Amino acid sequence: MSKLVISGGQKLKGEIVVEGAKNAVLPILAATVLNEGLSVIKNCPRLKDVEVMVNILKSLGCKVNMEDNIILIDSSTINNTFIPEELAVEMRCSIIFMGAILSKYGKVTISYPGDCVTLWV
């Protein structure tokens, strides 16, 4: 882990930019299913896993707009509870949609991440 070492009697001042973290944003994206309106996610890293999560949201019926490091998600338009196998198998984290969708709609269809077996709940 890196660290900052400051020596001397000077007061600290200034700003630093903290980068968004993939492991923080993926569960946040899944949780937007629970919101019945617009969610704004700022400081979102542009990574393949984030793209897959956005594509899953779109497949559920969400309207998604990505601009720079900001993602706008309108979950009021969700119209199904099926996550396509080709998206679910792209990453293990896709399974975190199961809790949000089950909680909101009472059913979900999703493949096991990395497998072709379908799980009906």
PDB file of N, CA and C in Angstrom:
ATOM      1  N   MET A   1       0.853  -1.166   0.000  1.00  0.00           N
ATOM      2  CA  MET A   1       0.000   0.000   0.000  1.00  0.00           C
ATOM      3  C   MET A   1       0.899   1.230   0.000  1.00  0.00           C
ATOM      4  N   SER A   2       0.586   2.217  -0.824  1.00  0.00           N
ATOM      5  CA  SER A   2       1.376   3.438  -0.849  1.00  0.00           C
ATOM      6  C   SER A   2       0.968   4.345   0.301  1.00  0.00           C
ATOM      7  N   LYS A   3       1.837   5.295   0.641  1.00  0.00           N
ATOM      8  CA  LYS A   3       1.541   6.195   1.742  1.00  0.00           C
ATOM      9  C   LYS A   3       2.143   7.563   1.474  1.00  0.00           C
ATOM     10  N   LEU A   4       1.647   8.536   2.158  1.00  0.00           N
ATOM     11  CA  LEU A   4       2.187   9.889   2.111  1.00  0.00           C
ATOM     12  C   LEU A   4       2.903  10.151   3.424  1.00  0.00           C
ATOM     13  N   VAL A   5       4.138  10.601   3.326  1.00  0.00           N
ATOM     14  CA  VAL A   5       4.895  10.961   4.518  1.00  0.00           C
ATOM     15  C   VAL A   5       5.108  12.465   4.467  1.00  0.00           C
ATOM     16  N   ILE A   6       4.644  13.152   5.499  1.00  0.00           N
ATOM     17  CA  ILE A   6       4.741  14.605   5.548  1.00  0.00           C
ATOM     18  C   ILE A   6       5.561  14.980   6.765  1.00  0.00           C
ATOM     19  N   SER A   7       6.629  15.694   6.519  1.00  0.00           N
ATOM     20  CA  SER A   7       7.436  16.142   7.648  1.00  0.00           C
ATOM     21  C   SER A   7       7.533  17.662   7.608  1.00  0.00           C
ATOM     22  N   GLY A   8       7.620  18.248   8.777  1.00  0.00           N
ATOM     23  CA  GLY A   8       7.677  19.700   8.868  1.00  0.00           C
ATOM     24  C   GLY A   8       6.457  20.240   9.579  1.00  0.00           C
ATOM     25  N   GLY A   9       6.478  21.482   9.880  1.00  0.00           N
ATOM     26  CA  GLY A   9       5.402  22.101  10.636  1.00  0.00           C
ATOM     27  C   GLY A   9       4.433  22.880   9.765  1.00  0.00           C
ATOM     28  N   GLN A  10       4.367  22.573   8.474  1.00  0.00           N
ATOM     29  CA  GLN A  10       3.491  23.308   7.571  1.00  0.00           C
ATOM     30  C   GLN A  10       2.068  22.736   7.594  1.00  0.00           C
ATOM     31  N   LYS A  11       1.093  23.618   7.490  1.00  0.00           N
ATOM     32  CA  LYS A  11      -0.287  23.180   7.373  1.00  0.00           C
ATOM     33  C   LYS A  11      -0.488  22.560   5.986  1.00  0.00           C
ATOM     34  N   LEU A  12      -1.346  21.558   5.958  1.00  0.00           N
ATOM     35  CA  LEU A  12      -1.664  20.914   4.686  1.00  0.00           C
ATOM     36  C   LEU A  12      -2.803  21.656   4.009  1.00  0.00           C
ATOM     37  N   LYS A  13      -2.710  21.794   2.697  1.00  0.00           N
ATOM     38  CA  LYS A  13      -3.798  22.352   1.921  1.00  0.00           C
ATOM     39  C   LYS A  13      -3.669  21.851   0.495  1.00  0.00           C
ATOM     40  N   GLY A  14      -4.792  21.799  -0.173  1.00  0.00           N
ATOM     41  CA  GLY A  14      -4.792  21.327  -1.550  1.00  0.00           C
ATOM     42  C   GLY A  14      -5.903  20.323  -1.788  1.00  0.00           C
ATOM     43  N   GLU A  15      -5.874  19.717  -2.936  1.00  0.00           N
ATOM     44  CA  GLU A  15      -6.899  18.765  -3.318  1.00  0.00           C
ATOM     45  C   GLU A  15      -6.264  17.561  -3.977  1.00  0.00           C
ATOM     46  N   ILE A  16      -6.911  16.422  -3.828  1.00  0.00           N
ATOM     47  CA  ILE A  16      -6.516  15.236  -4.565  1.00  0.00           C
ATOM     48  C   ILE A  16      -7.778  14.654  -5.213  1.00  0.00           C
ATOM     49  N   VAL A  17      -7.585  13.943  -6.277  1.00  0.00           N
ATOM     50  CA  VAL A  17      -8.699  13.295  -6.963  1.00  0.00           C
ATOM     51  C   VAL A  17      -8.646  11.815  -6.612  1.00  0.00           C
ATOM     52  N   VAL A  18      -9.736  11.311  -6.074  1.00  0.00           N
ATOM     53  CA  VAL A  18      -9.827   9.894  -5.739  1.00  0.00           C
ATOM     54  C   VAL A  18     -10.546   9.204  -6.883  1.00  0.00           C
ATOM     55  N   GLU A  19      -9.899   8.220  -7.485  1.00  0.00           N
ATOM     56  CA  GLU A  19     -10.472   7.497  -8.608  1.00  0.00           C
ATOM     57  C   GLU A  19     -11.603   6.589  -8.140  1.00  0.00           C
ATOM     58  N   GLY A  20     -12.583   6.381  -9.001  1.00  0.00           N
ATOM     59  CA  GLY A  20     -13.668   5.452  -8.710  1.00  0.00           C
ATOM     60  C   GLY A  20     -13.141   4.025  -8.687  1.00  0.00           C
ATOM     61  N   ALA A  21     -13.766   3.168  -7.932  1.00  0.00           N
ATOM     62  CA  ALA A  21     -13.318   1.791  -7.794  1.00  0.00           C
ATOM     63  C   ALA A  21     -14.361   0.836  -8.369  1.00  0.00           C
ATOM     64  N   LYS A  22     -13.886  -0.106  -9.200  1.00  0.00           N
ATOM     65  CA  LYS A  22     -14.778  -1.082  -9.821  1.00  0.00           C
ATOM     66  C   LYS A  22     -15.566  -1.860  -8.780  1.00  0.00           C
ATOM     67  N   ASN A  23     -14.895  -2.326  -7.727  1.00  0.00           N
ATOM     68  CA  ASN A  23     -15.561  -3.150  -6.721  1.00  0.00           C
ATOM     69  C   ASN A  23     -16.593  -2.370  -5.913  1.00  0.00           C
ATOM     70  N   ALA A  24     -16.545  -1.070  -5.967  1.00  0.00           N
ATOM     71  CA  ALA A  24     -17.569  -0.252  -5.306  1.00  0.00           C
ATOM     72  C   ALA A  24     -18.725   0.032  -6.245  1.00  0.00           C
ATOM     73  N   VAL A  25     -18.439   0.279  -7.509  1.00  0.00           N
ATOM     74  CA  VAL A  25     -19.494   0.704  -8.432  1.00  0.00           C
ATOM     75  C   VAL A  25     -20.365  -0.458  -8.914  1.00  0.00           C
ATOM     76  N   LEU A  26     -19.843  -1.669  -9.005  1.00  0.00           N
ATOM     77  CA  LEU A  26     -20.650  -2.784  -9.514  1.00  0.00           C
ATOM     78  C   LEU A  26     -21.879  -3.066  -8.630  1.00  0.00           C
ATOM     79  N   PRO A  27     -21.731  -3.155  -7.303  1.00  0.00           N
ATOM     80  CA  PRO A  27     -22.936  -3.334  -6.475  1.00  0.00           C
ATOM     81  C   PRO A  27     -23.872  -2.132  -6.526  1.00  0.00           C
ATOM     82  N   ILE A  28     -23.322  -0.949  -6.683  1.00  0.00           N
ATOM     83  CA  ILE A  28     -24.158   0.255  -6.788  1.00  0.00           C
ATOM     84  C   ILE A  28     -25.006   0.189  -8.051  1.00  0.00           C
ATOM     85  N   LEU A  29     -24.403  -0.247  -9.160  1.00  0.00           N
ATOM     86  CA  LEU A  29     -25.157  -0.378 -10.409  1.00  0.00           C
ATOM     87  C   LEU A  29     -26.285  -1.394 -10.256  1.00  0.00           C
ATOM     88  N   ALA A  30     -26.016  -2.514  -9.604  1.00  0.00           N
ATOM     89  CA  ALA A  30     -27.067  -3.515  -9.378  1.00  0.00           C
ATOM     90  C   ALA A  30     -28.176  -2.955  -8.491  1.00  0.00           C
ATOM     91  N   ALA A  31     -27.823  -2.149  -7.524  1.00  0.00           N
ATOM     92  CA  ALA A  31     -28.818  -1.592  -6.596  1.00  0.00           C
ATOM     93  C   ALA A  31     -29.735  -0.581  -7.266  1.00  0.00           C
ATOM     94  N   THR A  32     -29.350  -0.044  -8.415  1.00  0.00           N
ATOM     95  CA  THR A  32     -30.223   0.925  -9.088  1.00  0.00           C
ATOM     96  C   THR A  32     -31.536   0.278  -9.534  1.00  0.00           C
ATOM     97  N   VAL A  33     -31.569  -1.051  -9.612  1.00  0.00           N
ATOM     98  CA  VAL A  33     -32.807  -1.771  -9.940  1.00  0.00           C
ATOM     99  C   VAL A  33     -33.880  -1.460  -8.898  1.00  0.00           C
ATOM    100  N   LEU A  34     -33.474  -1.235  -7.665  1.00  0.00           N
ATOM    101  CA  LEU A  34     -34.420  -0.990  -6.573  1.00  0.00           C
ATOM    102  C   LEU A  34     -35.049   0.396  -6.627  1.00  0.00           C
ATOM    103  N   ASN A  35     -34.418   1.310  -7.319  1.00  0.00           N
ATOM    104  CA  ASN A  35     -34.907   2.678  -7.421  1.00  0.00           C
ATOM    105  C   ASN A  35     -35.926   2.761  -8.549  1.00  0.00           C
ATOM    106  N   GLU A  36     -37.019   3.448  -8.341  1.00  0.00           N
ATOM    107  CA  GLU A  36     -38.033   3.583  -9.390  1.00  0.00           C
ATOM    108  C   GLU A  36     -37.907   4.903 -10.128  1.00  0.00           C
ATOM    109  N   GLY A  37     -36.696   5.289 -10.380  1.00  0.00           N
ATOM    110  CA  GLY A  37     -36.486   6.552 -11.072  1.00  0.00           C
ATOM    111  C   GLY A  37     -35.052   6.686 -11.518  1.00  0.00           C
ATOM    112  N   LEU A  38     -34.582   7.915 -11.505  1.00  0.00           N
ATOM    113  CA  LEU A  38     -33.256   8.228 -12.018  1.00  0.00           C
ATOM    114  C   LEU A  38     -32.190   8.065 -10.941  1.00  0.00           C
ATOM    115  N   SER A  39     -31.127   7.356 -11.282  1.00  0.00           N
ATOM    116  CA  SER A  39     -29.946   7.233 -10.422  1.00  0.00           C
ATOM    117  C   SER A  39     -28.774   7.852 -11.160  1.00  0.00           C
ATOM    118  N   VAL A  40     -27.962   8.627 -10.453  1.00  0.00           N
ATOM    119  CA  VAL A  40     -26.784   9.255 -11.031  1.00  0.00           C
ATOM    120  C   VAL A  40     -25.564   8.703 -10.307  1.00  0.00           C
ATOM    121  N   ILE A  41     -24.700   8.031 -11.045  1.00  0.00           N
ATOM    122  CA  ILE A  41     -23.475   7.466 -10.485  1.00  0.00           C
ATOM    123  C   ILE A  41     -22.321   8.284 -11.035  1.00  0.00           C
ATOM    124  N   LYS A  42     -21.586   8.945 -10.143  1.00  0.00           N
ATOM    125  CA  LYS A  42     -20.458   9.785 -10.550  1.00  0.00           C
ATOM    126  C   LYS A  42     -19.138   9.090 -10.248  1.00  0.00           C
ATOM    127  N   ASN A  43     -18.101   9.528 -10.931  1.00  0.00           N
ATOM    128  CA  ASN A  43     -16.741   9.021 -10.722  1.00  0.00           C
ATOM    129  C   ASN A  43     -16.679   7.515 -10.994  1.00  0.00           C
ATOM    130  N   CYS A  44     -17.352   7.094 -12.041  1.00  0.00           N
ATOM    131  CA  CYS A  44     -17.442   5.677 -12.385  1.00  0.00           C
ATOM    132  C   CYS A  44     -16.321   5.315 -13.370  1.00  0.00           C
ATOM    133  N   PRO A  45     -15.520   4.309 -13.039  1.00  0.00           N
ATOM    134  CA  PRO A  45     -14.439   3.930 -13.958  1.00  0.00           C
ATOM    135  C   PRO A  45     -15.002   3.302 -15.235  1.00  0.00           C
ATOM    136  N   ARG A  46     -14.360   3.569 -16.357  1.00  0.00           N
ATOM    137  CA  ARG A  46     -14.785   3.009 -17.647  1.00  0.00           C
ATOM    138  C   ARG A  46     -14.033   1.710 -17.882  1.00  0.00           C
ATOM    139  N   LEU A  47     -14.616   0.616 -17.409  1.00  0.00           N
ATOM    140  CA  LEU A  47     -14.001  -0.703 -17.511  1.00  0.00           C
ATOM    141  C   LEU A  47     -14.967  -1.677 -18.165  1.00  0.00           C
ATOM    142  N   LYS A  48     -14.451  -2.798 -18.652  1.00  0.00           N
ATOM    143  CA  LYS A  48     -15.270  -3.817 -19.298  1.00  0.00           C
ATOM    144  C   LYS A  48     -16.376  -4.314 -18.366  1.00  0.00           C
ATOM    145  N   ASP A  49     -16.070  -4.576 -17.097  1.00  0.00           N
ATOM    146  CA  ASP A  49     -17.079  -5.054 -16.148  1.00  0.00           C
ATOM    147  C   ASP A  49     -18.210  -4.046 -15.973  1.00  0.00           C
ATOM    148  N   VAL A  50     -17.885  -2.772 -15.969  1.00  0.00           N
ATOM    149  CA  VAL A  50     -18.906  -1.734 -15.854  1.00  0.00           C
ATOM    150  C   VAL A  50     -19.783  -1.750 -17.107  1.00  0.00           C
ATOM    151  N   GLU A  51     -19.171  -1.930 -18.284  1.00  0.00           N
ATOM    152  CA  GLU A  51     -19.936  -2.018 -19.528  1.00  0.00           C
ATOM    153  C   GLU A  51     -20.903  -3.196 -19.505  1.00  0.00           C
ATOM    154  N   VAL A  52     -20.438  -4.340 -18.996  1.00  0.00           N
ATOM    155  CA  VAL A  52     -21.303  -5.522 -18.918  1.00  0.00           C
ATOM    156  C   VAL A  52     -22.489  -5.240 -17.991  1.00  0.00           C
ATOM    157  N   MET A  53     -22.230  -4.634 -16.841  1.00  0.00           N
ATOM    158  CA  MET A  53     -23.313  -4.309 -15.900  1.00  0.00           C
ATOM    159  C   MET A  53     -24.313  -3.347 -16.546  1.00  0.00           C
ATOM    160  N   VAL A  54     -23.818  -2.366 -17.282  1.00  0.00           N
ATOM    161  CA  VAL A  54     -24.693  -1.421 -17.980  1.00  0.00           C
ATOM    162  C   VAL A  54     -25.526  -2.158 -19.024  1.00  0.00           C
ATOM    163  N   ASN A  55     -24.922  -3.099 -19.733  1.00  0.00           N
ATOM    164  CA  ASN A  55     -25.670  -3.872 -20.730  1.00  0.00           C
ATOM    165  C   ASN A  55     -26.733  -4.745 -20.080  1.00  0.00           C
ATOM    166  N   ILE A  56     -26.445  -5.269 -18.895  1.00  0.00           N
ATOM    167  CA  ILE A  56     -27.464  -6.029 -18.165  1.00  0.00           C
ATOM    168  C   ILE A  56     -28.629  -5.114 -17.788  1.00  0.00           C
ATOM    169  N   LEU A  57     -28.320  -3.929 -17.298  1.00  0.00           N
ATOM    170  CA  LEU A  57     -29.382  -2.967 -16.965  1.00  0.00           C
ATOM    171  C   LEU A  57     -30.242  -2.646 -18.189  1.00  0.00           C
ATOM    172  N   LYS A  58     -29.585  -2.455 -19.327  1.00  0.00           N
ATOM    173  CA  LYS A  58     -30.328  -2.183 -20.561  1.00  0.00           C
ATOM    174  C   LYS A  58     -31.204  -3.369 -20.945  1.00  0.00           C
ATOM    175  N   SER A  59     -30.680  -4.597 -20.757  1.00  0.00           N
ATOM    176  CA  SER A  59     -31.463  -5.784 -21.120  1.00  0.00           C
ATOM    177  C   SER A  59     -32.697  -5.936 -20.226  1.00  0.00           C
ATOM    178  N   LEU A  60     -32.629  -5.386 -19.016  1.00  0.00           N
ATOM    179  CA  LEU A  60     -33.783  -5.410 -18.111  1.00  0.00           C
ATOM    180  C   LEU A  60     -34.815  -4.349 -18.480  1.00  0.00           C
ATOM    181  N   GLY A  61     -34.409  -3.404 -19.319  1.00  0.00           N
ATOM    182  CA  GLY A  61     -35.315  -2.346 -19.753  1.00  0.00           C
ATOM    183  C   GLY A  61     -34.946  -0.965 -19.253  1.00  0.00           C
ATOM    184  N   CYS A  62     -33.863  -0.857 -18.500  1.00  0.00           N
ATOM    185  CA  CYS A  62     -33.442   0.460 -17.998  1.00  0.00           C
ATOM    186  C   CYS A  62     -32.947   1.334 -19.148  1.00  0.00           C
ATOM    187  N   LYS A  63     -33.159   2.621 -19.009  1.00  0.00           N
ATOM    188  CA  LYS A  63     -32.562   3.585 -19.925  1.00  0.00           C
ATOM    189  C   LYS A  63     -31.259   4.035 -19.283  1.00  0.00           C
ATOM    190  N   VAL A  64     -30.156   3.906 -20.018  1.00  0.00           N
ATOM    191  CA  VAL A  64     -28.835   4.212 -19.465  1.00  0.00           C
ATOM    192  C   VAL A  64     -28.117   5.184 -20.388  1.00  0.00           C
ATOM    193  N   ASN A  65     -27.515   6.203 -19.795  1.00  0.00           N
ATOM    194  CA  ASN A  65     -26.717   7.168 -20.537  1.00  0.00           C
ATOM    195  C   ASN A  65     -25.369   7.305 -19.847  1.00  0.00           C
ATOM    196  N   MET A  66     -24.288   7.087 -20.588  1.00  0.00           N
ATOM    197  CA  MET A  66     -22.936   7.212 -20.034  1.00  0.00           C
ATOM    198  C   MET A  66     -22.244   8.401 -20.686  1.00  0.00           C
ATOM    199  N   GLU A  67     -21.782   9.327 -19.851  1.00  0.00           N
ATOM    200  CA  GLU A  67     -21.036  10.487 -20.319  1.00  0.00           C
ATOM    201  C   GLU A  67     -19.808  10.646 -19.440  1.00  0.00           C
ATOM    202  N   ASP A  68     -18.643  10.530 -20.047  1.00  0.00           N
ATOM    203  CA  ASP A  68     -17.378  10.585 -19.311  1.00  0.00           C
ATOM    204  C   ASP A  68     -17.416   9.581 -18.160  1.00  0.00           C
ATOM    205  N   ASN A  69     -17.323  10.046 -16.932  1.00  0.00           N
ATOM    206  CA  ASN A  69     -17.323   9.126 -15.789  1.00  0.00           C
ATOM    207  C   ASN A  69     -18.637   9.182 -15.005  1.00  0.00           C
ATOM    208  N   ILE A  70     -19.709   9.622 -15.672  1.00  0.00           N
ATOM    209  CA  ILE A  70     -21.026   9.711 -15.037  1.00  0.00           C
ATOM    210  C   ILE A  70     -21.990   8.781 -15.769  1.00  0.00           C
ATOM    211  N   ILE A  71     -22.738   7.993 -15.010  1.00  0.00           N
ATOM    212  CA  ILE A  71     -23.746   7.109 -15.588  1.00  0.00           C
ATOM    213  C   ILE A  71     -25.113   7.507 -15.035  1.00  0.00           C
ATOM    214  N   LEU A  72     -26.059   7.747 -15.926  1.00  0.00           N
ATOM    215  CA  LEU A  72     -27.442   8.052 -15.563  1.00  0.00           C
ATOM    216  C   LEU A  72     -28.281   6.818 -15.875  1.00  0.00           C
ATOM    217  N   ILE A  73     -29.020   6.332 -14.893  1.00  0.00           N
ATOM    218  CA  ILE A  73     -29.834   5.129 -15.058  1.00  0.00           C
ATOM    219  C   ILE A  73     -31.269   5.441 -14.661  1.00  0.00           C
ATOM    220  N   ASP A  74     -32.189   5.210 -15.591  1.00  0.00           N
ATOM    221  CA  ASP A  74     -33.620   5.338 -15.305  1.00  0.00           C
ATOM    222  C   ASP A  74     -34.181   3.931 -15.190  1.00  0.00           C
ATOM    223  N   SER A  75     -34.459   3.495 -13.971  1.00  0.00           N
ATOM    224  CA  SER A  75     -34.944   2.129 -13.737  1.00  0.00           C
ATOM    225  C   SER A  75     -36.474   2.055 -13.722  1.00  0.00           C
ATOM    226  N   SER A  76     -37.136   3.158 -13.995  1.00  0.00           N
ATOM    227  CA  SER A  76     -38.607   3.138 -14.012  1.00  0.00           C
ATOM    228  C   SER A  76     -39.145   2.391 -15.225  1.00  0.00           C
ATOM    229  N   THR A  77     -38.291   2.069 -16.176  1.00  0.00           N
ATOM    230  CA  THR A  77     -38.724   1.413 -17.413  1.00  0.00           C
ATOM    231  C   THR A  77     -38.399  -0.084 -17.436  1.00  0.00           C
ATOM    232  N   ILE A  78     -37.999  -0.661 -16.310  1.00  0.00           N
ATOM    233  CA  ILE A  78     -37.702  -2.103 -16.272  1.00  0.00           C
ATOM    234  C   ILE A  78     -38.957  -2.871 -16.676  1.00  0.00           C
ATOM    235  N   ASN A  79     -38.779  -3.813 -17.622  1.00  0.00           N
ATOM    236  CA  ASN A  79     -39.939  -4.543 -18.133  1.00  0.00           C
ATOM    237  C   ASN A  79     -39.761  -6.064 -18.114  1.00  0.00           C
ATOM    238  N   ASN A  80     -38.668  -6.567 -17.543  1.00  0.00           N
ATOM    239  CA  ASN A  80     -38.515  -8.019 -17.422  1.00  0.00           C
ATOM    240  C   ASN A  80     -37.514  -8.349 -16.323  1.00  0.00           C
ATOM    241  N   THR A  81     -37.450  -9.618 -15.960  1.00  0.00           N
ATOM    242  CA  THR A  81     -36.553 -10.073 -14.888  1.00  0.00           C
ATOM    243  C   THR A  81     -35.601 -11.150 -15.397  1.00  0.00           C
ATOM    244  N   PHE A  82     -35.326 -11.128 -16.686  1.00  0.00           N
ATOM    245  CA  PHE A  82     -34.461 -12.118 -17.325  1.00  0.00           C
ATOM    246  C   PHE A  82     -33.132 -11.475 -17.689  1.00  0.00           C
ATOM    247  N   ILE A  83     -32.042 -12.063 -17.220  1.00  0.00           N
ATOM    248  CA  ILE A  83     -30.709 -11.595 -17.594  1.00  0.00           C
ATOM    249  C   ILE A  83     -30.162 -12.575 -18.626  1.00  0.00           C
ATOM    250  N   PRO A  84     -29.894 -12.097 -19.843  1.00  0.00           N
ATOM    251  CA  PRO A  84     -29.428 -12.987 -20.902  1.00  0.00           C
ATOM    252  C   PRO A  84     -28.140 -13.725 -20.518  1.00  0.00           C
ATOM    253  N   GLU A  85     -28.092 -14.994 -20.907  1.00  0.00           N
ATOM    254  CA  GLU A  85     -26.941 -15.833 -20.566  1.00  0.00           C
ATOM    255  C   GLU A  85     -25.630 -15.244 -21.069  1.00  0.00           C
ATOM    256  N   GLU A  86     -25.645 -14.680 -22.281  1.00  0.00           N
ATOM    257  CA  GLU A  86     -24.400 -14.148 -22.846  1.00  0.00           C
ATOM    258  C   GLU A  86     -23.841 -12.991 -22.025  1.00  0.00           C
ATOM    259  N   LEU A  87     -24.675 -12.302 -21.274  1.00  0.00           N
ATOM    260  CA  LEU A  87     -24.199 -11.240 -20.388  1.00  0.00           C
ATOM    261  C   LEU A  87     -23.820 -11.794 -19.019  1.00  0.00           C
ATOM    262  N   ALA A  88     -24.630 -12.708 -18.506  1.00  0.00           N
ATOM    263  CA  ALA A  88     -24.375 -13.263 -17.171  1.00  0.00           C
ATOM    264  C   ALA A  88     -23.061 -14.017 -17.101  1.00  0.00           C
ATOM    265  N   VAL A  89     -22.699 -14.708 -18.172  1.00  0.00           N
ATOM    266  CA  VAL A  89     -21.477 -15.520 -18.134  1.00  0.00           C
ATOM    267  C   VAL A  89     -20.213 -14.701 -18.370  1.00  0.00           C
ATOM    268  N   GLU A  90     -20.359 -13.430 -18.702  1.00  0.00           N
ATOM    269  CA  GLU A  90     -19.173 -12.605 -18.949  1.00  0.00           C
ATOM    270  C   GLU A  90     -18.395 -12.266 -17.686  1.00  0.00           C
ATOM    271  N   MET A  91     -19.074 -12.285 -16.537  1.00  0.00           N
ATOM    272  CA  MET A  91     -18.362 -11.980 -15.292  1.00  0.00           C
ATOM    273  C   MET A  91     -19.119 -12.548 -14.101  1.00  0.00           C
ATOM    274  N   ARG A  92     -18.379 -12.935 -13.100  1.00  0.00           N
ATOM    275  CA  ARG A  92     -18.985 -13.520 -11.904  1.00  0.00           C
ATOM    276  C   ARG A  92     -19.877 -12.537 -11.165  1.00  0.00           C
ATOM    277  N   CYS A  93     -19.559 -11.273 -11.240  1.00  0.00           N
ATOM    278  CA  CYS A  93     -20.289 -10.251 -10.481  1.00  0.00           C
ATOM    279  C   CYS A  93     -21.730 -10.070 -10.956  1.00  0.00           C
ATOM    280  N   SER A  94     -22.070 -10.601 -12.121  1.00  0.00           N
ATOM    281  CA  SER A  94     -23.438 -10.436 -12.616  1.00  0.00           C
ATOM    282  C   SER A  94     -24.467 -11.035 -11.658  1.00  0.00           C
ATOM    283  N   ILE A  95     -24.049 -11.964 -10.821  1.00  0.00           N
ATOM    284  CA  ILE A  95     -24.960 -12.631  -9.886  1.00  0.00           C
ATOM    285  C   ILE A  95     -25.519 -11.657  -8.838  1.00  0.00           C
ATOM    286  N   ILE A  96     -24.857 -10.516  -8.630  1.00  0.00           N
ATOM    287  CA  ILE A  96     -25.350  -9.583  -7.609  1.00  0.00           C
ATOM    288  C   ILE A  96     -26.663  -8.927  -8.011  1.00  0.00           C
ATOM    289  N   PHE A  97     -27.051  -9.044  -9.279  1.00  0.00           N
ATOM    290  CA  PHE A  97     -28.365  -8.553  -9.691  1.00  0.00           C
ATOM    291  C   PHE A  97     -29.480  -9.390  -9.080  1.00  0.00           C
ATOM    292  N   MET A  98     -29.185 -10.648  -8.755  1.00  0.00           N
ATOM    293  CA  MET A  98     -30.226 -11.552  -8.280  1.00  0.00           C
ATOM    294  C   MET A  98     -30.943 -11.006  -7.052  1.00  0.00           C
ATOM    295  N   GLY A  99     -30.214 -10.516  -6.073  1.00  0.00           N
ATOM    296  CA  GLY A  99     -30.836 -10.013  -4.848  1.00  0.00           C
ATOM    297  C   GLY A  99     -31.741  -8.827  -5.097  1.00  0.00           C
ATOM    298  N   ALA A 100     -31.279  -7.882  -5.892  1.00  0.00           N
ATOM    299  CA  ALA A 100     -32.077  -6.682  -6.152  1.00  0.00           C
ATOM    300  C   ALA A 100     -33.341  -7.016  -6.946  1.00  0.00           C
ATOM    301  N   ILE A 101     -33.194  -7.853  -7.967  1.00  0.00           N
ATOM    302  CA  ILE A 101     -34.356  -8.195  -8.799  1.00  0.00           C
ATOM    303  C   ILE A 101     -35.352  -9.037  -8.005  1.00  0.00           C
ATOM    304  N   LEU A 102     -34.863 -10.010  -7.239  1.00  0.00           N
ATOM    305  CA  LEU A 102     -35.762 -10.829  -6.404  1.00  0.00           C
ATOM    306  C   LEU A 102     -36.500  -9.976  -5.392  1.00  0.00           C
ATOM    307  N   SER A 103     -35.784  -9.054  -4.773  1.00  0.00           N
ATOM    308  CA  SER A 103     -36.395  -8.194  -3.772  1.00  0.00           C
ATOM    309  C   SER A 103     -37.499  -7.332  -4.376  1.00  0.00           C
ATOM    310  N   LYS A 104     -37.272  -6.835  -5.551  1.00  0.00           N
ATOM    311  CA  LYS A 104     -38.212  -5.899  -6.178  1.00  0.00           C
ATOM    312  C   LYS A 104     -39.361  -6.608  -6.905  1.00  0.00           C
ATOM    313  N   TYR A 105     -39.047  -7.716  -7.617  1.00  0.00           N
ATOM    314  CA  TYR A 105     -40.043  -8.329  -8.497  1.00  0.00           C
ATOM    315  C   TYR A 105     -40.453  -9.747  -8.099  1.00  0.00           C
ATOM    316  N   GLY A 106     -39.748 -10.351  -7.155  1.00  0.00           N
ATOM    317  CA  GLY A 106     -40.130 -11.676  -6.674  1.00  0.00           C
ATOM    318  C   GLY A 106     -39.711 -12.836  -7.548  1.00  0.00           C
ATOM    319  N   LYS A 107     -39.055 -12.566  -8.670  1.00  0.00           N
ATOM    320  CA  LYS A 107     -38.548 -13.637  -9.532  1.00  0.00           C
ATOM    321  C   LYS A 107     -37.407 -13.089 -10.379  1.00  0.00           C
ATOM    322  N   VAL A 108     -36.528 -14.008 -10.783  1.00  0.00           N
ATOM    323  CA  VAL A 108     -35.408 -13.646 -11.646  1.00  0.00           C
ATOM    324  C   VAL A 108     -34.956 -14.897 -12.381  1.00  0.00           C
ATOM    325  N   THR A 109     -34.488 -14.721 -13.605  1.00  0.00           N
ATOM    326  CA  THR A 109     -33.885 -15.807 -14.367  1.00  0.00           C
ATOM    327  C   THR A 109     -32.488 -15.349 -14.754  1.00  0.00           C
ATOM    328  N   ILE A 110     -31.496 -16.110 -14.296  1.00  0.00           N
ATOM    329  CA  ILE A 110     -30.107 -15.767 -14.573  1.00  0.00           C
ATOM    330  C   ILE A 110     -29.303 -17.054 -14.647  1.00  0.00           C
ATOM    331  N   SER A 111     -28.346 -17.087 -15.551  1.00  0.00           N
ATOM    332  CA  SER A 111     -27.451 -18.235 -15.657  1.00  0.00           C
ATOM    333  C   SER A 111     -26.395 -18.154 -14.573  1.00  0.00           C
ATOM    334  N   TYR A 112     -25.869 -19.304 -14.202  1.00  0.00           N
ATOM    335  CA  TYR A 112     -24.733 -19.292 -13.294  1.00  0.00           C
ATOM    336  C   TYR A 112     -23.593 -18.545 -13.981  1.00  0.00           C
ATOM    337  N   PRO A 113     -22.929 -17.675 -13.301  1.00  0.00           N
ATOM    338  CA  PRO A 113     -21.806 -16.968 -13.930  1.00  0.00           C
ATOM    339  C   PRO A 113     -20.752 -17.962 -14.389  1.00  0.00           C
ATOM    340  N   GLY A 114     -20.390 -17.878 -15.661  1.00  0.00           N
ATOM    341  CA  GLY A 114     -19.362 -18.742 -16.220  1.00  0.00           C
ATOM    342  C   GLY A 114     -19.841 -20.128 -16.562  1.00  0.00           C
ATOM    343  N   ASP A 115     -21.153 -20.375 -16.551  1.00  0.00           N
ATOM    344  CA  ASP A 115     -21.704 -21.694 -16.833  1.00  0.00           C
ATOM    345  C   ASP A 115     -22.924 -21.527 -17.726  1.00  0.00           C
ATOM    346  N   CYS A 116     -23.452 -22.612 -18.242  1.00  0.00           N
ATOM    347  CA  CYS A 116     -24.620 -22.513 -19.131  1.00  0.00           C
ATOM    348  C   CYS A 116     -25.885 -23.051 -18.476  1.00  0.00           C
ATOM    349  N   VAL A 117     -25.859 -23.361 -17.189  1.00  0.00           N
ATOM    350  CA  VAL A 117     -27.023 -23.868 -16.481  1.00  0.00           C
ATOM    351  C   VAL A 117     -27.860 -22.673 -16.026  1.00  0.00           C
ATOM    352  N   THR A 118     -29.152 -22.702 -16.260  1.00  0.00           N
ATOM    353  CA  THR A 118     -30.030 -21.602 -15.872  1.00  0.00           C
ATOM    354  C   THR A 118     -30.595 -21.853 -14.485  1.00  0.00           C
ATOM    355  N   LEU A 119     -30.610 -20.824 -13.687  1.00  0.00           N
ATOM    356  CA  LEU A 119     -31.133 -20.879 -12.318  1.00  0.00           C
ATOM    357  C   LEU A 119     -32.476 -20.164 -12.289  1.00  0.00           C
ATOM    358  N   TRP A 120     -33.522 -20.850 -11.867  1.00  0.00           N
ATOM    359  CA  TRP A 120     -34.856 -20.248 -11.728  1.00  0.00           C
ATOM    360  C   TRP A 120     -35.126 -20.034 -10.250  1.00  0.00           C
ATOM    361  N   VAL A 121     -35.420 -18.830  -9.892  1.00  0.00           N
ATOM    362  CA  VAL A 121     -35.722 -18.540  -8.487  1.00  0.00           C
ATOM    363  C   VAL A 121     -37.071 -17.861  -8.407  1.00  0.00           C
TER     364      VAL A 121
END
